[in-house]
């Protein structure tokens, strides 16, 4: 059970940092302190927690719902991550009184512009990459564990 919790924490921290790097590379964030959640805790860290929460959702789906079908996993994850982005956008607007991102300029915007078709497709692709990386690391861990046991 403890290793399960640490796995979720590890994914949360790693993907929160990757999200911060990604957002800085595309020019959406240009400061050291990542997001409102960290700032409200008086923690100035290079993280965007929405990406961390997204990784936890992906990990949960991968481990408990869709274990082997990458196509179904990716589509399901794209839908769930888009819903998470919609909720996160609306909560962010309530907290900050400003819209942090707006996809109304993209094709088929939904949820007041917090989600759009190209962004959904991006999440589907990212989910497929996550699936493959997760499988690779799990296979490596399993091989190392079997070597220890033999």
N, C-alpha and C. Protein backbone atom coordinates (compact mmCIF):
# COMPACT_ATOMS: atom_id res chain seq x y z
N UNK A 1 0.82 -1.21 0.00
CA UNK A 1 0.00 0.00 0.00
C UNK A 1 0.86 1.27 0.00
N UNK A 2 1.92 1.30 0.84
CA UNK A 2 2.78 2.48 0.90
C UNK A 2 3.45 2.75 -0.43
N UNK A 3 3.91 1.69 -1.12
CA UNK A 3 4.55 1.90 -2.41
C UNK A 3 3.56 2.47 -3.42
N UNK A 4 2.28 2.11 -3.29
CA UNK A 4 1.24 2.67 -4.14
C UNK A 4 1.11 4.18 -3.93
N UNK A 5 1.09 4.61 -2.69
CA UNK A 5 0.98 6.03 -2.37
C UNK A 5 2.20 6.78 -2.89
N UNK A 6 3.37 6.22 -2.67
CA UNK A 6 4.59 6.87 -3.14
C UNK A 6 4.63 6.94 -4.67
N UNK A 7 4.07 5.94 -5.33
CA UNK A 7 4.02 5.97 -6.79
C UNK A 7 3.14 7.13 -7.26
N UNK A 8 1.99 7.32 -6.63
CA UNK A 8 1.11 8.44 -6.98
C UNK A 8 1.78 9.78 -6.69
N UNK A 9 2.46 9.88 -5.55
CA UNK A 9 3.16 11.13 -5.20
C UNK A 9 4.27 11.40 -6.21
N UNK A 10 5.03 10.37 -6.55
CA UNK A 10 6.11 10.52 -7.52
C UNK A 10 5.57 11.02 -8.86
N UNK A 11 4.50 10.40 -9.36
CA UNK A 11 3.92 10.83 -10.63
C UNK A 11 3.38 12.26 -10.53
N UNK A 12 2.74 12.58 -9.41
CA UNK A 12 2.21 13.94 -9.22
C UNK A 12 3.33 14.97 -9.32
N UNK A 13 4.43 14.74 -8.60
CA UNK A 13 5.53 15.71 -8.58
C UNK A 13 6.23 15.80 -9.93
N UNK A 14 6.51 14.66 -10.53
CA UNK A 14 7.21 14.65 -11.82
C UNK A 14 6.38 15.34 -12.89
N UNK A 15 5.10 15.00 -12.99
CA UNK A 15 4.28 15.59 -14.05
C UNK A 15 3.91 17.04 -13.76
N UNK A 16 3.84 17.43 -12.49
CA UNK A 16 3.63 18.85 -12.17
C UNK A 16 4.82 19.67 -12.67
N UNK A 17 6.02 19.14 -12.49
CA UNK A 17 7.23 19.82 -12.97
C UNK A 17 7.30 19.80 -14.50
N UNK A 18 7.00 18.66 -15.12
CA UNK A 18 6.99 18.57 -16.59
C UNK A 18 5.97 19.56 -17.16
N UNK A 19 4.82 19.67 -16.53
CA UNK A 19 3.80 20.63 -16.97
C UNK A 19 4.30 22.06 -16.89
N UNK A 20 5.01 22.37 -15.82
CA UNK A 20 5.58 23.72 -15.66
C UNK A 20 6.59 23.99 -16.77
N UNK A 21 7.46 23.01 -17.05
CA UNK A 21 8.45 23.16 -18.14
C UNK A 21 7.72 23.37 -19.47
N UNK A 22 6.73 22.53 -19.74
CA UNK A 22 5.96 22.61 -20.98
C UNK A 22 5.31 23.99 -21.14
N UNK A 23 4.65 24.45 -20.10
CA UNK A 23 3.96 25.74 -20.17
C UNK A 23 4.95 26.89 -20.37
N UNK A 24 6.14 26.78 -19.78
CA UNK A 24 7.16 27.80 -19.99
C UNK A 24 7.69 27.76 -21.41
N UNK A 25 7.85 26.56 -21.96
CA UNK A 25 8.35 26.43 -23.33
C UNK A 25 7.38 27.01 -24.36
N UNK A 26 6.08 26.83 -24.12
CA UNK A 26 5.11 27.37 -25.08
C UNK A 26 4.69 28.80 -24.73
N UNK A 27 5.24 29.32 -23.65
CA UNK A 27 5.02 30.73 -23.32
C UNK A 27 3.75 31.03 -22.56
N UNK A 28 3.12 30.02 -21.98
CA UNK A 28 1.89 30.26 -21.21
C UNK A 28 2.20 30.70 -19.78
N UNK A 29 3.34 30.29 -19.24
CA UNK A 29 3.76 30.66 -17.89
C UNK A 29 5.19 31.16 -18.02
N UNK A 30 5.49 32.23 -17.37
CA UNK A 30 6.86 32.74 -17.47
C UNK A 30 7.37 33.22 -16.12
N UNK A 31 7.09 32.45 -15.12
CA UNK A 31 7.59 32.80 -13.80
C UNK A 31 7.92 31.54 -13.03
N UNK A 32 8.68 31.70 -11.96
CA UNK A 32 9.14 30.55 -11.20
C UNK A 32 7.99 29.87 -10.47
N UNK A 33 7.15 30.64 -9.81
CA UNK A 33 6.05 30.05 -9.07
C UNK A 33 5.01 29.55 -10.05
N UNK A 34 4.69 28.27 -9.95
CA UNK A 34 3.85 27.64 -10.95
C UNK A 34 2.39 28.04 -10.93
N UNK A 35 1.68 27.76 -9.86
CA UNK A 35 0.23 27.96 -9.94
C UNK A 35 -0.36 28.46 -8.63
N UNK A 36 -1.64 28.74 -8.70
CA UNK A 36 -2.37 29.32 -7.58
C UNK A 36 -2.35 28.42 -6.35
N UNK A 37 -2.48 27.10 -6.56
CA UNK A 37 -2.49 26.19 -5.42
C UNK A 37 -1.20 26.32 -4.63
N UNK A 38 -0.07 26.29 -5.30
CA UNK A 38 1.21 26.41 -4.61
C UNK A 38 1.37 27.79 -3.99
N UNK A 39 0.95 28.82 -4.70
CA UNK A 39 1.07 30.17 -4.18
C UNK A 39 0.18 30.36 -2.94
N UNK A 40 -1.02 29.75 -2.95
CA UNK A 40 -1.91 29.89 -1.81
C UNK A 40 -1.36 29.17 -0.58
N UNK A 41 -0.49 28.18 -0.80
CA UNK A 41 0.19 27.49 0.30
C UNK A 41 1.50 28.17 0.66
N UNK A 42 1.77 29.34 0.06
CA UNK A 42 3.02 30.07 0.24
C UNK A 42 4.24 29.23 -0.15
N UNK A 43 4.08 28.41 -1.16
CA UNK A 43 5.18 27.62 -1.70
C UNK A 43 5.46 28.09 -3.11
N UNK A 44 6.64 28.63 -3.31
CA UNK A 44 7.01 29.09 -4.64
C UNK A 44 7.84 28.00 -5.30
N UNK A 45 7.18 27.13 -6.04
CA UNK A 45 7.83 25.98 -6.65
C UNK A 45 7.56 25.96 -8.15
N UNK A 46 8.47 25.39 -8.93
CA UNK A 46 8.25 25.29 -10.37
C UNK A 46 7.36 24.09 -10.71
N UNK A 47 6.08 24.20 -10.36
CA UNK A 47 5.13 23.13 -10.64
C UNK A 47 3.80 23.71 -11.09
N UNK A 48 3.11 22.95 -11.91
CA UNK A 48 1.73 23.25 -12.25
C UNK A 48 0.92 22.02 -11.85
N UNK A 49 0.20 22.14 -10.75
CA UNK A 49 -0.44 20.99 -10.13
C UNK A 49 -1.53 20.36 -11.00
N UNK A 50 -2.10 21.11 -11.94
CA UNK A 50 -3.12 20.52 -12.80
C UNK A 50 -2.53 19.35 -13.58
N UNK A 51 -1.26 19.45 -13.97
CA UNK A 51 -0.59 18.34 -14.67
C UNK A 51 -0.35 17.17 -13.71
N UNK A 52 -0.04 17.47 -12.47
CA UNK A 52 0.13 16.42 -11.47
C UNK A 52 -1.17 15.68 -11.21
N UNK A 53 -2.27 16.44 -11.07
CA UNK A 53 -3.57 15.79 -10.89
C UNK A 53 -3.93 14.96 -12.12
N UNK A 54 -3.60 15.47 -13.28
CA UNK A 54 -3.84 14.72 -14.51
C UNK A 54 -3.10 13.40 -14.53
N UNK A 55 -1.85 13.41 -14.06
CA UNK A 55 -1.06 12.16 -14.04
C UNK A 55 -1.65 11.16 -13.05
N UNK A 56 -2.17 11.66 -11.95
CA UNK A 56 -2.81 10.76 -10.98
C UNK A 56 -4.05 10.12 -11.59
N UNK A 57 -4.82 10.92 -12.33
CA UNK A 57 -5.99 10.39 -13.02
C UNK A 57 -5.57 9.31 -14.02
N UNK A 58 -4.53 9.61 -14.82
CA UNK A 58 -4.04 8.63 -15.79
C UNK A 58 -3.56 7.36 -15.10
N UNK A 59 -2.82 7.51 -14.04
CA UNK A 59 -2.30 6.35 -13.31
C UNK A 59 -3.44 5.51 -12.75
N UNK A 60 -4.45 6.17 -12.20
CA UNK A 60 -5.60 5.46 -11.66
C UNK A 60 -6.33 4.70 -12.76
N UNK A 61 -6.56 5.35 -13.89
CA UNK A 61 -7.24 4.69 -15.01
C UNK A 61 -6.41 3.51 -15.49
N UNK A 62 -5.11 3.69 -15.63
CA UNK A 62 -4.23 2.64 -16.13
C UNK A 62 -4.21 1.43 -15.20
N UNK A 63 -4.13 1.68 -13.91
CA UNK A 63 -3.99 0.58 -12.95
C UNK A 63 -5.31 -0.11 -12.62
N UNK A 64 -6.43 0.62 -12.69
CA UNK A 64 -7.68 0.09 -12.18
C UNK A 64 -8.79 -0.12 -13.20
N UNK A 65 -8.72 0.55 -14.32
CA UNK A 65 -9.85 0.48 -15.26
C UNK A 65 -9.43 -0.15 -16.58
N UNK A 66 -8.43 0.43 -17.23
CA UNK A 66 -8.01 -0.03 -18.56
C UNK A 66 -6.53 -0.39 -18.47
N UNK A 67 -6.25 -1.66 -18.37
CA UNK A 67 -4.87 -2.08 -18.13
C UNK A 67 -4.09 -2.36 -19.40
N UNK A 68 -4.73 -2.78 -20.48
CA UNK A 68 -3.97 -3.26 -21.63
C UNK A 68 -4.32 -2.63 -22.97
N UNK A 69 -5.39 -1.95 -23.11
CA UNK A 69 -5.83 -1.42 -24.41
C UNK A 69 -5.42 0.05 -24.54
N UNK A 70 -4.34 0.31 -25.26
CA UNK A 70 -3.80 1.67 -25.36
C UNK A 70 -4.77 2.63 -26.06
N UNK A 71 -5.50 2.16 -27.05
CA UNK A 71 -6.42 3.03 -27.79
C UNK A 71 -7.57 3.46 -26.89
N UNK A 72 -8.21 2.50 -26.23
CA UNK A 72 -9.32 2.83 -25.33
C UNK A 72 -8.82 3.68 -24.16
N UNK A 73 -7.65 3.32 -23.62
CA UNK A 73 -7.06 4.10 -22.53
C UNK A 73 -6.84 5.55 -22.95
N UNK A 74 -6.28 5.75 -24.13
CA UNK A 74 -5.95 7.10 -24.60
C UNK A 74 -7.20 7.94 -24.82
N UNK A 75 -8.22 7.37 -25.44
CA UNK A 75 -9.47 8.10 -25.68
C UNK A 75 -10.17 8.41 -24.37
N UNK A 76 -10.28 7.40 -23.49
CA UNK A 76 -10.92 7.60 -22.19
C UNK A 76 -10.16 8.66 -21.38
N UNK A 77 -8.84 8.59 -21.41
CA UNK A 77 -8.03 9.55 -20.67
C UNK A 77 -8.17 10.95 -21.26
N UNK A 78 -8.23 11.06 -22.59
CA UNK A 78 -8.45 12.36 -23.22
C UNK A 78 -9.74 13.00 -22.77
N UNK A 79 -10.79 12.19 -22.66
CA UNK A 79 -12.09 12.70 -22.19
C UNK A 79 -11.99 13.14 -20.73
N UNK A 80 -11.43 12.29 -19.90
CA UNK A 80 -11.32 12.60 -18.47
C UNK A 80 -10.43 13.82 -18.24
N UNK A 81 -9.30 13.90 -18.95
CA UNK A 81 -8.42 15.06 -18.79
C UNK A 81 -9.07 16.35 -19.29
N UNK A 82 -9.88 16.26 -20.32
CA UNK A 82 -10.60 17.43 -20.81
C UNK A 82 -11.62 17.90 -19.77
N UNK A 83 -12.28 16.96 -19.12
CA UNK A 83 -13.22 17.32 -18.04
C UNK A 83 -12.45 17.96 -16.89
N UNK A 84 -11.30 17.38 -16.55
CA UNK A 84 -10.46 17.96 -15.49
C UNK A 84 -10.01 19.37 -15.86
N UNK A 85 -9.65 19.57 -17.12
CA UNK A 85 -9.23 20.90 -17.57
C UNK A 85 -10.40 21.90 -17.50
N UNK A 86 -11.59 21.45 -17.84
CA UNK A 86 -12.78 22.32 -17.75
C UNK A 86 -13.03 22.72 -16.29
N UNK A 87 -13.03 21.73 -15.40
CA UNK A 87 -13.26 22.01 -13.98
C UNK A 87 -12.15 22.90 -13.43
N UNK A 88 -10.90 22.57 -13.76
CA UNK A 88 -9.78 23.39 -13.31
C UNK A 88 -9.86 24.81 -13.80
N UNK A 89 -10.27 24.99 -15.05
CA UNK A 89 -10.41 26.33 -15.60
C UNK A 89 -11.48 27.13 -14.89
N UNK A 90 -12.61 26.48 -14.65
CA UNK A 90 -13.70 27.19 -13.96
C UNK A 90 -13.34 27.51 -12.52
N UNK A 91 -12.69 26.57 -11.83
CA UNK A 91 -12.25 26.85 -10.45
C UNK A 91 -11.19 27.95 -10.42
N UNK A 92 -10.28 27.91 -11.36
CA UNK A 92 -9.25 28.93 -11.46
C UNK A 92 -9.89 30.31 -11.67
N UNK A 93 -10.93 30.36 -12.50
CA UNK A 93 -11.62 31.63 -12.74
C UNK A 93 -12.28 32.13 -11.45
N UNK A 94 -12.89 31.22 -10.71
CA UNK A 94 -13.54 31.61 -9.45
C UNK A 94 -12.51 32.14 -8.46
N UNK A 95 -11.37 31.45 -8.37
CA UNK A 95 -10.32 31.84 -7.41
C UNK A 95 -9.61 33.12 -7.84
N UNK A 96 -9.21 33.19 -9.11
CA UNK A 96 -8.37 34.30 -9.59
C UNK A 96 -9.14 35.47 -10.18
N UNK A 97 -10.41 35.26 -10.44
CA UNK A 97 -11.25 36.28 -11.08
C UNK A 97 -10.74 36.66 -12.47
N UNK A 98 -10.00 35.76 -13.07
CA UNK A 98 -9.55 35.98 -14.45
C UNK A 98 -9.39 34.62 -15.13
N UNK A 99 -9.50 34.65 -16.44
CA UNK A 99 -9.39 33.43 -17.22
C UNK A 99 -7.93 33.17 -17.53
N UNK A 100 -7.39 32.03 -17.06
CA UNK A 100 -5.98 31.71 -17.20
C UNK A 100 -5.64 31.20 -18.60
N UNK A 101 -6.60 30.58 -19.29
CA UNK A 101 -6.39 30.13 -20.67
C UNK A 101 -7.72 30.16 -21.38
N UNK A 102 -7.65 30.28 -22.69
CA UNK A 102 -8.86 30.41 -23.50
C UNK A 102 -8.61 29.78 -24.86
N UNK A 103 -9.33 28.72 -25.15
CA UNK A 103 -9.20 28.02 -26.43
C UNK A 103 -10.33 28.36 -27.39
N UNK A 104 -11.00 29.47 -27.19
CA UNK A 104 -12.09 29.86 -28.09
C UNK A 104 -11.62 30.10 -29.52
N UNK A 105 -10.34 30.36 -29.72
CA UNK A 105 -9.82 30.59 -31.06
C UNK A 105 -9.57 29.28 -31.81
N UNK A 106 -9.63 28.15 -31.10
CA UNK A 106 -9.41 26.84 -31.72
C UNK A 106 -10.73 26.24 -32.21
N UNK A 107 -10.66 25.25 -33.11
CA UNK A 107 -11.89 24.59 -33.58
C UNK A 107 -12.63 23.87 -32.45
N UNK A 108 -13.93 23.96 -32.48
CA UNK A 108 -14.83 23.29 -31.53
C UNK A 108 -14.51 23.54 -30.06
N UNK A 109 -14.50 24.81 -29.64
CA UNK A 109 -14.28 25.08 -28.22
C UNK A 109 -15.50 24.65 -27.39
N UNK A 110 -15.24 24.15 -26.22
CA UNK A 110 -16.29 23.74 -25.28
C UNK A 110 -15.98 24.31 -23.90
N UNK A 111 -16.95 24.22 -23.02
CA UNK A 111 -16.74 24.59 -21.61
C UNK A 111 -16.18 26.02 -21.50
N UNK A 112 -16.85 26.96 -22.14
CA UNK A 112 -16.45 28.37 -22.11
C UNK A 112 -15.04 28.60 -22.64
N UNK A 113 -14.57 27.72 -23.53
CA UNK A 113 -13.26 27.88 -24.13
C UNK A 113 -12.12 27.26 -23.35
N UNK A 114 -12.41 26.54 -22.27
CA UNK A 114 -11.36 25.89 -21.51
C UNK A 114 -10.92 24.58 -22.15
N UNK A 115 -11.71 24.08 -23.09
CA UNK A 115 -11.41 22.83 -23.79
C UNK A 115 -11.74 23.04 -25.26
N UNK A 116 -10.99 22.38 -26.14
CA UNK A 116 -11.27 22.42 -27.58
C UNK A 116 -10.78 21.11 -28.20
N UNK A 117 -11.26 20.82 -29.39
CA UNK A 117 -10.92 19.57 -30.06
C UNK A 117 -9.40 19.34 -30.19
N UNK A 118 -8.62 20.33 -30.66
CA UNK A 118 -7.17 20.08 -30.77
C UNK A 118 -6.51 19.78 -29.42
N UNK A 119 -7.00 20.40 -28.37
CA UNK A 119 -6.45 20.17 -27.04
C UNK A 119 -6.83 18.76 -26.58
N UNK A 120 -8.07 18.35 -26.85
CA UNK A 120 -8.48 16.97 -26.54
C UNK A 120 -7.57 15.98 -27.26
N UNK A 121 -7.30 16.22 -28.54
CA UNK A 121 -6.43 15.33 -29.30
C UNK A 121 -5.02 15.31 -28.73
N UNK A 122 -4.55 16.47 -28.27
CA UNK A 122 -3.25 16.55 -27.60
C UNK A 122 -3.24 15.65 -26.36
N UNK A 123 -4.32 15.70 -25.56
CA UNK A 123 -4.40 14.86 -24.35
C UNK A 123 -4.45 13.38 -24.72
N UNK A 124 -5.10 13.04 -25.82
CA UNK A 124 -5.13 11.64 -26.26
C UNK A 124 -3.72 11.17 -26.60
N UNK A 125 -2.97 11.99 -27.32
CA UNK A 125 -1.59 11.64 -27.68
C UNK A 125 -0.72 11.55 -26.43
N UNK A 126 -0.84 12.52 -25.54
CA UNK A 126 -0.06 12.48 -24.30
C UNK A 126 -0.40 11.24 -23.47
N UNK A 127 -1.65 10.85 -23.47
CA UNK A 127 -2.06 9.66 -22.73
C UNK A 127 -1.44 8.40 -23.32
N UNK A 128 -1.36 8.33 -24.64
CA UNK A 128 -0.72 7.18 -25.28
C UNK A 128 0.76 7.13 -24.93
N UNK A 129 1.41 8.28 -24.91
CA UNK A 129 2.84 8.34 -24.52
C UNK A 129 2.99 7.91 -23.06
N UNK A 130 2.12 8.41 -22.21
CA UNK A 130 2.12 8.04 -20.79
C UNK A 130 1.98 6.52 -20.66
N UNK A 131 1.04 5.94 -21.40
CA UNK A 131 0.79 4.49 -21.37
C UNK A 131 2.07 3.72 -21.69
N UNK A 132 2.75 4.13 -22.78
CA UNK A 132 3.96 3.44 -23.21
C UNK A 132 5.09 3.60 -22.19
N UNK A 133 5.27 4.80 -21.67
CA UNK A 133 6.32 5.04 -20.68
C UNK A 133 6.04 4.24 -19.41
N UNK A 134 4.79 4.27 -18.97
CA UNK A 134 4.41 3.52 -17.77
C UNK A 134 4.69 2.03 -17.96
N UNK A 135 4.30 1.49 -19.10
CA UNK A 135 4.54 0.07 -19.39
C UNK A 135 6.04 -0.25 -19.36
N UNK A 136 6.83 0.63 -19.95
CA UNK A 136 8.28 0.41 -20.00
C UNK A 136 8.87 0.36 -18.59
N UNK A 137 8.50 1.33 -17.76
CA UNK A 137 9.04 1.37 -16.40
C UNK A 137 8.52 0.21 -15.56
N UNK A 138 7.28 -0.15 -15.73
CA UNK A 138 6.73 -1.29 -14.97
C UNK A 138 7.41 -2.58 -15.37
N UNK A 139 7.64 -2.77 -16.66
CA UNK A 139 8.35 -3.97 -17.12
C UNK A 139 9.76 -4.02 -16.55
N UNK A 140 10.43 -2.87 -16.53
CA UNK A 140 11.79 -2.79 -15.98
C UNK A 140 11.77 -3.12 -14.49
N UNK A 141 10.82 -2.57 -13.74
CA UNK A 141 10.70 -2.84 -12.31
C UNK A 141 10.42 -4.32 -12.06
N UNK A 142 9.55 -4.90 -12.87
CA UNK A 142 9.22 -6.32 -12.71
C UNK A 142 10.43 -7.21 -12.96
N UNK A 143 11.24 -6.87 -13.98
CA UNK A 143 12.44 -7.65 -14.27
C UNK A 143 13.44 -7.54 -13.12
N UNK A 144 13.62 -6.33 -12.59
CA UNK A 144 14.55 -6.14 -11.47
C UNK A 144 14.07 -6.88 -10.23
N UNK A 145 12.76 -6.87 -10.00
CA UNK A 145 12.21 -7.56 -8.85
C UNK A 145 12.36 -9.07 -8.98
N UNK A 146 12.16 -9.59 -10.18
CA UNK A 146 12.31 -11.04 -10.38
C UNK A 146 13.77 -11.46 -10.24
N UNK A 147 14.71 -10.60 -10.63
CA UNK A 147 16.14 -10.89 -10.43
C UNK A 147 16.47 -10.95 -8.95
N UNK A 148 15.88 -10.06 -8.17
CA UNK A 148 16.11 -10.05 -6.71
C UNK A 148 15.59 -11.33 -6.07
N UNK A 149 14.44 -11.77 -6.54
CA UNK A 149 13.80 -12.96 -5.95
C UNK A 149 14.49 -14.26 -6.36
N UNK A 150 15.24 -14.25 -7.44
CA UNK A 150 15.91 -15.48 -7.89
C UNK A 150 17.27 -15.62 -7.35
